[in-house]
Amino acid sequence: MNQDDDRWGSPEPPPRGPSTPPGLRFDPLATAIGVFAAVAIPIVVVGYTRPAGSSTPIIVAGVLIGLIVGILAGVWVAHRGGDVWKGPQL
């Protein structure tokens, strides 16, 4: 048996590497930052660009709501170990 025959000997993919399907794991901190930005930015922009002038209560509310929702999302992802979808993979 030569070296070329060995490469066809293992039909199963390795546990890690380019042949394995990627696992979808999310970083809790990155998730929290992304959710914070997705929630807070639109509210802050509305509060800042109102025709009647900028509204500090709307801006502060946007930041607080974004912070709370971001922390909740990050804690939820951390609690699930980074696996958001535990169902069958497509």
PDB file of N, CA and C in Angstrom:
ATOM      1  N   MET A   1       0.845  -1.168   0.000  1.00  0.00           N
ATOM      2  CA  MET A   1       0.000   0.000   0.000  1.00  0.00           C
ATOM      3  C   MET A   1       0.897   1.240   0.000  1.00  0.00           C
ATOM      4  N   ASN A   2       0.592   2.170  -0.873  1.00  0.00           N
ATOM      5  CA  ASN A   2       1.410   3.378  -0.944  1.00  0.00           C
ATOM      6  C   ASN A   2       0.677   4.566  -0.329  1.00  0.00           C
ATOM      7  N   GLN A   3       1.289   5.720  -0.424  1.00  0.00           N
ATOM      8  CA  GLN A   3       0.749   6.911   0.226  1.00  0.00           C
ATOM      9  C   GLN A   3      -0.573   7.360  -0.400  1.00  0.00           C
ATOM     10  N   ASP A   4      -0.783   7.141  -1.686  1.00  0.00           N
ATOM     11  CA  ASP A   4      -2.023   7.545  -2.343  1.00  0.00           C
ATOM     12  C   ASP A   4      -3.221   6.734  -1.875  1.00  0.00           C
ATOM     13  N   ASP A   5      -3.012   5.494  -1.480  1.00  0.00           N
ATOM     14  CA  ASP A   5      -4.115   4.656  -1.019  1.00  0.00           C
ATOM     15  C   ASP A   5      -4.619   5.088   0.360  1.00  0.00           C
ATOM     16  N   ASP A   6      -3.765   5.676   1.173  1.00  0.00           N
ATOM     17  CA  ASP A   6      -4.161   6.081   2.524  1.00  0.00           C
ATOM     18  C   ASP A   6      -5.175   7.223   2.518  1.00  0.00           C
ATOM     19  N   ARG A   7      -5.130   8.073   1.557  1.00  0.00           N
ATOM     20  CA  ARG A   7      -6.042   9.220   1.568  1.00  0.00           C
ATOM     21  C   ARG A   7      -7.485   8.815   1.335  1.00  0.00           C
ATOM     22  N   TRP A   8      -7.754   7.660   0.791  1.00  0.00           N
ATOM     23  CA  TRP A   8      -9.114   7.193   0.562  1.00  0.00           C
ATOM     24  C   TRP A   8      -9.567   6.230   1.656  1.00  0.00           C
ATOM     25  N   GLY A   9      -8.758   5.982   2.653  1.00  0.00           N
ATOM     26  CA  GLY A   9      -9.076   4.980   3.668  1.00  0.00           C
ATOM     27  C   GLY A   9     -10.118   5.420   4.684  1.00  0.00           C
ATOM     28  N   SER A  10     -10.252   6.699   4.965  1.00  0.00           N
ATOM     29  CA  SER A  10     -11.165   7.176   6.005  1.00  0.00           C
ATOM     30  C   SER A  10     -12.379   7.855   5.370  1.00  0.00           C
ATOM     31  N   PRO A  11     -13.552   7.197   5.388  1.00  0.00           N
ATOM     32  CA  PRO A  11     -14.733   7.806   4.764  1.00  0.00           C
ATOM     33  C   PRO A  11     -15.393   8.882   5.615  1.00  0.00           C
ATOM     34  N   GLU A  12     -15.097   8.938   6.902  1.00  0.00           N
ATOM     35  CA  GLU A  12     -15.744   9.918   7.785  1.00  0.00           C
ATOM     36  C   GLU A  12     -14.923  11.199   7.831  1.00  0.00           C
ATOM     37  N   PRO A  13     -15.614  12.360   7.868  1.00  0.00           N
ATOM     38  CA  PRO A  13     -14.861  13.619   7.953  1.00  0.00           C
ATOM     39  C   PRO A  13     -14.218  13.760   9.324  1.00  0.00           C
ATOM     40  N   PRO A  14     -13.157  14.524   9.420  1.00  0.00           N
ATOM     41  CA  PRO A  14     -12.519  14.743  10.721  1.00  0.00           C
ATOM     42  C   PRO A  14     -13.446  15.533  11.639  1.00  0.00           C
ATOM     43  N   PRO A  15     -13.231  15.436  12.962  1.00  0.00           N
ATOM     44  CA  PRO A  15     -14.104  16.170  13.892  1.00  0.00           C
ATOM     45  C   PRO A  15     -14.002  17.684  13.750  1.00  0.00           C
ATOM     46  N   ARG A  16     -12.863  18.189  13.262  1.00  0.00           N
ATOM     47  CA  ARG A  16     -12.702  19.623  13.032  1.00  0.00           C
ATOM     48  C   ARG A  16     -11.956  19.808  11.728  1.00  0.00           C
ATOM     49  N   GLY A  17     -12.203  20.916  11.091  1.00  0.00           N
ATOM     50  CA  GLY A  17     -11.475  21.219   9.862  1.00  0.00           C
ATOM     51  C   GLY A  17     -12.411  21.652   8.762  1.00  0.00           C
ATOM     52  N   PRO A  18     -11.885  21.832   7.557  1.00  0.00           N
ATOM     53  CA  PRO A  18     -12.704  22.367   6.467  1.00  0.00           C
ATOM     54  C   PRO A  18     -13.759  21.389   5.957  1.00  0.00           C
ATOM     55  N   SER A  19     -13.639  20.094   6.274  1.00  0.00           N
ATOM     56  CA  SER A  19     -14.607  19.119   5.767  1.00  0.00           C
ATOM     57  C   SER A  19     -15.841  18.991   6.645  1.00  0.00           C
ATOM     58  N   THR A  20     -15.783  19.498   7.854  1.00  0.00           N
ATOM     59  CA  THR A  20     -16.917  19.365   8.763  1.00  0.00           C
ATOM     60  C   THR A  20     -17.879  20.531   8.583  1.00  0.00           C
ATOM     61  N   PRO A  21     -19.180  20.293   8.786  1.00  0.00           N
ATOM     62  CA  PRO A  21     -20.120  21.408   8.711  1.00  0.00           C
ATOM     63  C   PRO A  21     -19.862  22.387   9.851  1.00  0.00           C
ATOM     64  N   PRO A  22     -19.970  23.680   9.598  1.00  0.00           N
ATOM     65  CA  PRO A  22     -19.680  24.651  10.655  1.00  0.00           C
ATOM     66  C   PRO A  22     -20.749  24.630  11.738  1.00  0.00           C
ATOM     67  N   GLY A  23     -20.306  24.734  12.962  1.00  0.00           N
ATOM     68  CA  GLY A  23     -21.234  24.833  14.083  1.00  0.00           C
ATOM     69  C   GLY A  23     -21.606  26.292  14.292  1.00  0.00           C
ATOM     70  N   LEU A  24     -22.875  26.555  14.480  1.00  0.00           N
ATOM     71  CA  LEU A  24     -23.312  27.935  14.694  1.00  0.00           C
ATOM     72  C   LEU A  24     -23.278  28.238  16.184  1.00  0.00           C
ATOM     73  N   ARG A  25     -22.226  28.858  16.612  1.00  0.00           N
ATOM     74  CA  ARG A  25     -22.088  29.286  17.999  1.00  0.00           C
ATOM     75  C   ARG A  25     -21.900  30.793  18.000  1.00  0.00           C
ATOM     76  N   PHE A  26     -22.646  31.449  18.853  1.00  0.00           N
ATOM     77  CA  PHE A  26     -22.608  32.901  18.915  1.00  0.00           C
ATOM     78  C   PHE A  26     -21.927  33.341  20.200  1.00  0.00           C
ATOM     79  N   ASP A  27     -21.116  34.372  20.089  1.00  0.00           N
ATOM     80  CA  ASP A  27     -20.448  34.954  21.241  1.00  0.00           C
ATOM     81  C   ASP A  27     -21.454  35.826  21.996  1.00  0.00           C
ATOM     82  N   PRO A  28     -21.644  35.594  23.293  1.00  0.00           N
ATOM     83  CA  PRO A  28     -22.637  36.383  24.041  1.00  0.00           C
ATOM     84  C   PRO A  28     -22.348  37.882  24.049  1.00  0.00           C
ATOM     85  N   LEU A  29     -21.080  38.270  24.160  1.00  0.00           N
ATOM     86  CA  LEU A  29     -20.760  39.696  24.182  1.00  0.00           C
ATOM     87  C   LEU A  29     -21.062  40.349  22.835  1.00  0.00           C
ATOM     88  N   ALA A  30     -20.688  39.681  21.758  1.00  0.00           N
ATOM     89  CA  ALA A  30     -20.968  40.224  20.428  1.00  0.00           C
ATOM     90  C   ALA A  30     -22.472  40.312  20.173  1.00  0.00           C
ATOM     91  N   THR A  31     -23.205  39.322  20.649  1.00  0.00           N
ATOM     92  CA  THR A  31     -24.661  39.344  20.503  1.00  0.00           C
ATOM     93  C   THR A  31     -25.257  40.518  21.275  1.00  0.00           C
ATOM     94  N   ALA A  32     -24.787  40.715  22.503  1.00  0.00           N
ATOM     95  CA  ALA A  32     -25.306  41.818  23.324  1.00  0.00           C
ATOM     96  C   ALA A  32     -25.007  43.167  22.678  1.00  0.00           C
ATOM     97  N   ILE A  33     -23.805  43.331  22.141  1.00  0.00           N
ATOM     98  CA  ILE A  33     -23.446  44.597  21.495  1.00  0.00           C
ATOM     99  C   ILE A  33     -24.289  44.815  20.237  1.00  0.00           C
ATOM    100  N   GLY A  34     -24.477  43.758  19.455  1.00  0.00           N
ATOM    101  CA  GLY A  34     -25.276  43.875  18.239  1.00  0.00           C
ATOM    102  C   GLY A  34     -26.725  44.197  18.511  1.00  0.00           C
ATOM    103  N   VAL A  35     -27.306  43.552  19.522  1.00  0.00           N
ATOM    104  CA  VAL A  35     -28.705  43.826  19.862  1.00  0.00           C
ATOM    105  C   VAL A  35     -28.840  45.232  20.433  1.00  0.00           C
ATOM    106  N   PHE A  36     -27.899  45.640  21.270  1.00  0.00           N
ATOM    107  CA  PHE A  36     -27.920  47.011  21.799  1.00  0.00           C
ATOM    108  C   PHE A  36     -27.915  48.023  20.662  1.00  0.00           C
ATOM    109  N   ALA A  37     -27.007  47.835  19.714  1.00  0.00           N
ATOM    110  CA  ALA A  37     -26.913  48.777  18.597  1.00  0.00           C
ATOM    111  C   ALA A  37     -28.175  48.753  17.743  1.00  0.00           C
ATOM    112  N   ALA A  38     -28.716  47.560  17.495  1.00  0.00           N
ATOM    113  CA  ALA A  38     -29.909  47.445  16.645  1.00  0.00           C
ATOM    114  C   ALA A  38     -31.128  48.090  17.288  1.00  0.00           C
ATOM    115  N   VAL A  39     -31.189  48.091  18.606  1.00  0.00           N
ATOM    116  CA  VAL A  39     -32.348  48.677  19.289  1.00  0.00           C
ATOM    117  C   VAL A  39     -32.114  50.160  19.589  1.00  0.00           C
ATOM    118  N   ALA A  40     -30.944  50.497  20.081  1.00  0.00           N
ATOM    119  CA  ALA A  40     -30.700  51.858  20.556  1.00  0.00           C
ATOM    120  C   ALA A  40     -30.528  52.867  19.421  1.00  0.00           C
ATOM    121  N   ILE A  41     -29.824  52.498  18.368  1.00  0.00           N
ATOM    122  CA  ILE A  41     -29.514  53.474  17.319  1.00  0.00           C
ATOM    123  C   ILE A  41     -30.768  54.085  16.681  1.00  0.00           C
ATOM    124  N   PRO A  42     -31.761  53.288  16.260  1.00  0.00           N
ATOM    125  CA  PRO A  42     -32.942  53.932  15.661  1.00  0.00           C
ATOM    126  C   PRO A  42     -33.689  54.860  16.619  1.00  0.00           C
ATOM    127  N   ILE A  43     -33.777  54.469  17.884  1.00  0.00           N
ATOM    128  CA  ILE A  43     -34.493  55.304  18.854  1.00  0.00           C
ATOM    129  C   ILE A  43     -33.718  56.603  19.091  1.00  0.00           C
ATOM    130  N   VAL A  44     -32.401  56.508  19.213  1.00  0.00           N
ATOM    131  CA  VAL A  44     -31.584  57.703  19.431  1.00  0.00           C
ATOM    132  C   VAL A  44     -31.657  58.628  18.213  1.00  0.00           C
ATOM    133  N   VAL A  45     -31.644  58.061  17.023  1.00  0.00           N
ATOM    134  CA  VAL A  45     -31.734  58.890  15.811  1.00  0.00           C
ATOM    135  C   VAL A  45     -33.072  59.618  15.760  1.00  0.00           C
ATOM    136  N   VAL A  46     -34.143  58.936  16.108  1.00  0.00           N
ATOM    137  CA  VAL A  46     -35.461  59.596  16.133  1.00  0.00           C
ATOM    138  C   VAL A  46     -35.472  60.704  17.178  1.00  0.00           C
ATOM    139  N   GLY A  47     -34.913  60.434  18.346  1.00  0.00           N
ATOM    140  CA  GLY A  47     -34.875  61.452  19.394  1.00  0.00           C
ATOM    141  C   GLY A  47     -33.996  62.636  19.045  1.00  0.00           C
ATOM    142  N   TYR A  48     -32.968  62.394  18.258  1.00  0.00           N
ATOM    143  CA  TYR A  48     -32.029  63.461  17.911  1.00  0.00           C
ATOM    144  C   TYR A  48     -32.493  64.299  16.726  1.00  0.00           C
ATOM    145  N   THR A  49     -33.223  63.679  15.801  1.00  0.00           N
ATOM    146  CA  THR A  49     -33.579  64.383  14.554  1.00  0.00           C
ATOM    147  C   THR A  49     -35.037  64.805  14.492  1.00  0.00           C
ATOM    148  N   ARG A  50     -35.692  64.920  15.599  1.00  0.00           N
ATOM    149  CA  ARG A  50     -37.091  65.386  15.602  1.00  0.00           C
ATOM    150  C   ARG A  50     -37.181  66.791  15.055  1.00  0.00           C
ATOM    151  N   PRO A  51     -38.271  67.100  14.340  1.00  0.00           N
ATOM    152  CA  PRO A  51     -38.442  68.468  13.819  1.00  0.00           C
ATOM    153  C   PRO A  51     -38.508  69.523  14.930  1.00  0.00           C
ATOM    154  N   ALA A  52     -39.009  69.125  16.100  1.00  0.00           N
ATOM    155  CA  ALA A  52     -39.129  70.076  17.204  1.00  0.00           C
ATOM    156  C   ALA A  52     -37.817  70.242  17.973  1.00  0.00           C
ATOM    157  N   GLY A  53     -36.777  69.575  17.549  1.00  0.00           N
ATOM    158  CA  GLY A  53     -35.494  69.639  18.258  1.00  0.00           C
ATOM    159  C   GLY A  53     -35.194  68.314  18.940  1.00  0.00           C
ATOM    160  N   SER A  54     -33.983  68.154  19.351  1.00  0.00           N
ATOM    161  CA  SER A  54     -33.612  66.885  19.976  1.00  0.00           C
ATOM    162  C   SER A  54     -34.281  66.743  21.340  1.00  0.00           C
ATOM    163  N   SER A  55     -34.609  65.504  21.658  1.00  0.00           N
ATOM    164  CA  SER A  55     -35.311  65.207  22.905  1.00  0.00           C
ATOM    165  C   SER A  55     -34.430  64.300  23.766  1.00  0.00           C
ATOM    166  N   THR A  56     -33.927  64.847  24.846  1.00  0.00           N
ATOM    167  CA  THR A  56     -33.066  64.079  25.745  1.00  0.00           C
ATOM    168  C   THR A  56     -33.778  62.871  26.347  1.00  0.00           C
ATOM    169  N   PRO A  57     -35.057  62.978  26.765  1.00  0.00           N
ATOM    170  CA  PRO A  57     -35.714  61.793  27.317  1.00  0.00           C
ATOM    171  C   PRO A  57     -35.812  60.637  26.308  1.00  0.00           C
ATOM    172  N   ILE A  58     -36.051  60.943  25.027  1.00  0.00           N
ATOM    173  CA  ILE A  58     -36.133  59.881  24.022  1.00  0.00           C
ATOM    174  C   ILE A  58     -34.757  59.255  23.813  1.00  0.00           C
ATOM    175  N   ILE A  59     -33.716  60.063  23.786  1.00  0.00           N
ATOM    176  CA  ILE A  59     -32.361  59.545  23.603  1.00  0.00           C
ATOM    177  C   ILE A  59     -31.957  58.661  24.775  1.00  0.00           C
ATOM    178  N   VAL A  60     -32.224  59.118  25.997  1.00  0.00           N
ATOM    179  CA  VAL A  60     -31.882  58.332  27.194  1.00  0.00           C
ATOM    180  C   VAL A  60     -32.703  57.046  27.236  1.00  0.00           C
ATOM    181  N   ALA A  61     -33.989  57.142  26.873  1.00  0.00           N
ATOM    182  CA  ALA A  61     -34.828  55.940  26.852  1.00  0.00           C
ATOM    183  C   ALA A  61     -34.309  54.935  25.824  1.00  0.00           C
ATOM    184  N   GLY A  62     -33.875  55.411  24.672  1.00  0.00           N
ATOM    185  CA  GLY A  62     -33.335  54.517  23.651  1.00  0.00           C
ATOM    186  C   GLY A  62     -32.098  53.793  24.124  1.00  0.00           C
ATOM    187  N   VAL A  63     -31.201  54.520  24.785  1.00  0.00           N
ATOM    188  CA  VAL A  63     -29.984  53.901  25.300  1.00  0.00           C
ATOM    189  C   VAL A  63     -30.315  52.896  26.400  1.00  0.00           C
ATOM    190  N   LEU A  64     -31.219  53.260  27.303  1.00  0.00           N
ATOM    191  CA  LEU A  64     -31.581  52.337  28.391  1.00  0.00           C
ATOM    192  C   LEU A  64     -32.296  51.087  27.876  1.00  0.00           C
ATOM    193  N   ILE A  65     -33.234  51.263  26.968  1.00  0.00           N
ATOM    194  CA  ILE A  65     -33.945  50.106  26.400  1.00  0.00           C
ATOM    195  C   ILE A  65     -32.962  49.211  25.647  1.00  0.00           C
ATOM    196  N   GLY A  66     -32.077  49.819  24.861  1.00  0.00           N
ATOM    197  CA  GLY A  66     -31.077  49.033  24.143  1.00  0.00           C
ATOM    198  C   GLY A  66     -30.151  48.289  25.080  1.00  0.00           C
ATOM    199  N   LEU A  67     -29.752  48.932  26.163  1.00  0.00           N
ATOM    200  CA  LEU A  67     -28.876  48.302  27.140  1.00  0.00           C
ATOM    201  C   LEU A  67     -29.556  47.108  27.808  1.00  0.00           C
ATOM    202  N   ILE A  68     -30.797  47.287  28.217  1.00  0.00           N
ATOM    203  CA  ILE A  68     -31.529  46.201  28.881  1.00  0.00           C
ATOM    204  C   ILE A  68     -31.739  45.029  27.930  1.00  0.00           C
ATOM    205  N   VAL A  69     -32.198  45.313  26.716  1.00  0.00           N
ATOM    206  CA  VAL A  69     -32.457  44.235  25.754  1.00  0.00           C
ATOM    207  C   VAL A  69     -31.145  43.558  25.347  1.00  0.00           C
ATOM    208  N   GLY A  70     -30.073  44.332  25.189  1.00  0.00           N
ATOM    209  CA  GLY A  70     -28.775  43.753  24.846  1.00  0.00           C
ATOM    210  C   GLY A  70     -28.247  42.835  25.926  1.00  0.00           C
ATOM    211  N   ILE A  71     -28.367  43.256  27.170  1.00  0.00           N
ATOM    212  CA  ILE A  71     -27.917  42.404  28.283  1.00  0.00           C
ATOM    213  C   ILE A  71     -28.744  41.128  28.345  1.00  0.00           C
ATOM    214  N   LEU A  72     -30.059  41.253  28.186  1.00  0.00           N
ATOM    215  CA  LEU A  72     -30.912  40.058  28.200  1.00  0.00           C
ATOM    216  C   LEU A  72     -30.544  39.094  27.075  1.00  0.00           C
ATOM    217  N   ALA A  73     -30.287  39.614  25.882  1.00  0.00           N
ATOM    218  CA  ALA A  73     -29.912  38.755  24.758  1.00  0.00           C
ATOM    219  C   ALA A  73     -28.566  38.084  25.015  1.00  0.00           C
ATOM    220  N   GLY A  74     -27.603  38.832  25.539  1.00  0.00           N
ATOM    221  CA  GLY A  74     -26.296  38.251  25.842  1.00  0.00           C
ATOM    222  C   GLY A  74     -26.369  37.169  26.910  1.00  0.00           C
ATOM    223  N   VAL A  75     -27.154  37.408  27.950  1.00  0.00           N
ATOM    224  CA  VAL A  75     -27.314  36.403  29.007  1.00  0.00           C
ATOM    225  C   VAL A  75     -28.018  35.160  28.465  1.00  0.00           C
ATOM    226  N   TRP A  76     -29.010  35.359  27.603  1.00  0.00           N
ATOM    227  CA  TRP A  76     -29.731  34.227  27.016  1.00  0.00           C
ATOM    228  C   TRP A  76     -28.806  33.375  26.154  1.00  0.00           C
ATOM    229  N   VAL A  77     -27.983  34.027  25.329  1.00  0.00           N
ATOM    230  CA  VAL A  77     -27.045  33.282  24.483  1.00  0.00           C
ATOM    231  C   VAL A  77     -26.006  32.572  25.350  1.00  0.00           C
ATOM    232  N   ALA A  78     -25.517  33.223  26.396  1.00  0.00           N
ATOM    233  CA  ALA A  78     -24.543  32.594  27.290  1.00  0.00           C
ATOM    234  C   ALA A  78     -25.153  31.396  28.002  1.00  0.00           C
ATOM    235  N   HIS A  79     -26.414  31.520  28.403  1.00  0.00           N
ATOM    236  CA  HIS A  79     -27.097  30.416  29.089  1.00  0.00           C
ATOM    237  C   HIS A  79     -27.233  29.204  28.179  1.00  0.00           C
ATOM    238  N   ARG A  80     -27.407  29.432  26.893  1.00  0.00           N
ATOM    239  CA  ARG A  80     -27.538  28.328  25.932  1.00  0.00           C
ATOM    240  C   ARG A  80     -26.191  27.858  25.397  1.00  0.00           C
ATOM    241  N   GLY A  81     -25.097  28.397  25.908  1.00  0.00           N
ATOM    242  CA  GLY A  81     -23.781  27.975  25.490  1.00  0.00           C
ATOM    243  C   GLY A  81     -23.415  28.413  24.083  1.00  0.00           C
ATOM    244  N   GLY A  82     -24.037  29.458  23.583  1.00  0.00           N
ATOM    245  CA  GLY A  82     -23.749  29.944  22.257  1.00  0.00           C
ATOM    246  C   GLY A  82     -24.600  29.313  21.159  1.00  0.00           C
ATOM    247  N   ASP A  83     -25.329  28.262  21.506  1.00  0.00           N
ATOM    248  CA  ASP A  83     -26.207  27.604  20.535  1.00  0.00           C
ATOM    249  C   ASP A  83     -27.576  28.270  20.569  1.00  0.00           C
ATOM    250  N   VAL A  84     -27.889  29.016  19.536  1.00  0.00           N
ATOM    251  CA  VAL A  84     -29.187  29.686  19.484  1.00  0.00           C
ATOM    252  C   VAL A  84     -30.248  28.733  18.986  1.00  0.00           C
ATOM    253  N   TRP A  85     -29.891  27.913  17.999  1.00  0.00           N
ATOM    254  CA  TRP A  85     -30.839  26.965  17.399  1.00  0.00           C
ATOM    255  C   TRP A  85     -30.384  25.560  17.744  1.00  0.00           C
ATOM    256  N   LYS A  86     -31.169  24.826  18.551  1.00  0.00           N
ATOM    257  CA  LYS A  86     -30.798  23.480  18.948  1.00  0.00           C
ATOM    258  C   LYS A  86     -31.503  22.414  18.134  1.00  0.00           C
ATOM    259  N   GLY A  87     -32.238  22.838  17.108  1.00  0.00           N
ATOM    260  CA  GLY A  87     -32.972  21.902  16.268  1.00  0.00           C
ATOM    261  C   GLY A  87     -32.074  21.279  15.209  1.00  0.00           C
ATOM    262  N   PRO A  88     -32.680  20.602  14.247  1.00  0.00           N
ATOM    263  CA  PRO A  88     -31.887  19.961  13.200  1.00  0.00           C
ATOM    264  C   PRO A  88     -31.220  20.996  12.287  1.00  0.00           C
ATOM    265  N   GLN A  89     -30.019  20.676  11.859  1.00  0.00           N
ATOM    266  CA  GLN A  89     -29.289  21.569  10.952  1.00  0.00           C
ATOM    267  C   GLN A  89     -29.729  21.314   9.527  1.00  0.00           C
ATOM    268  N   LEU A  90     -29.819  22.357   8.745  1.00  0.00           N
ATOM    269  CA  LEU A  90     -30.207  22.204   7.343  1.00  0.00           C
ATOM    270  C   LEU A  90     -29.052  21.726   6.515  1.00  0.00           C
TER     271      LEU A  90
END
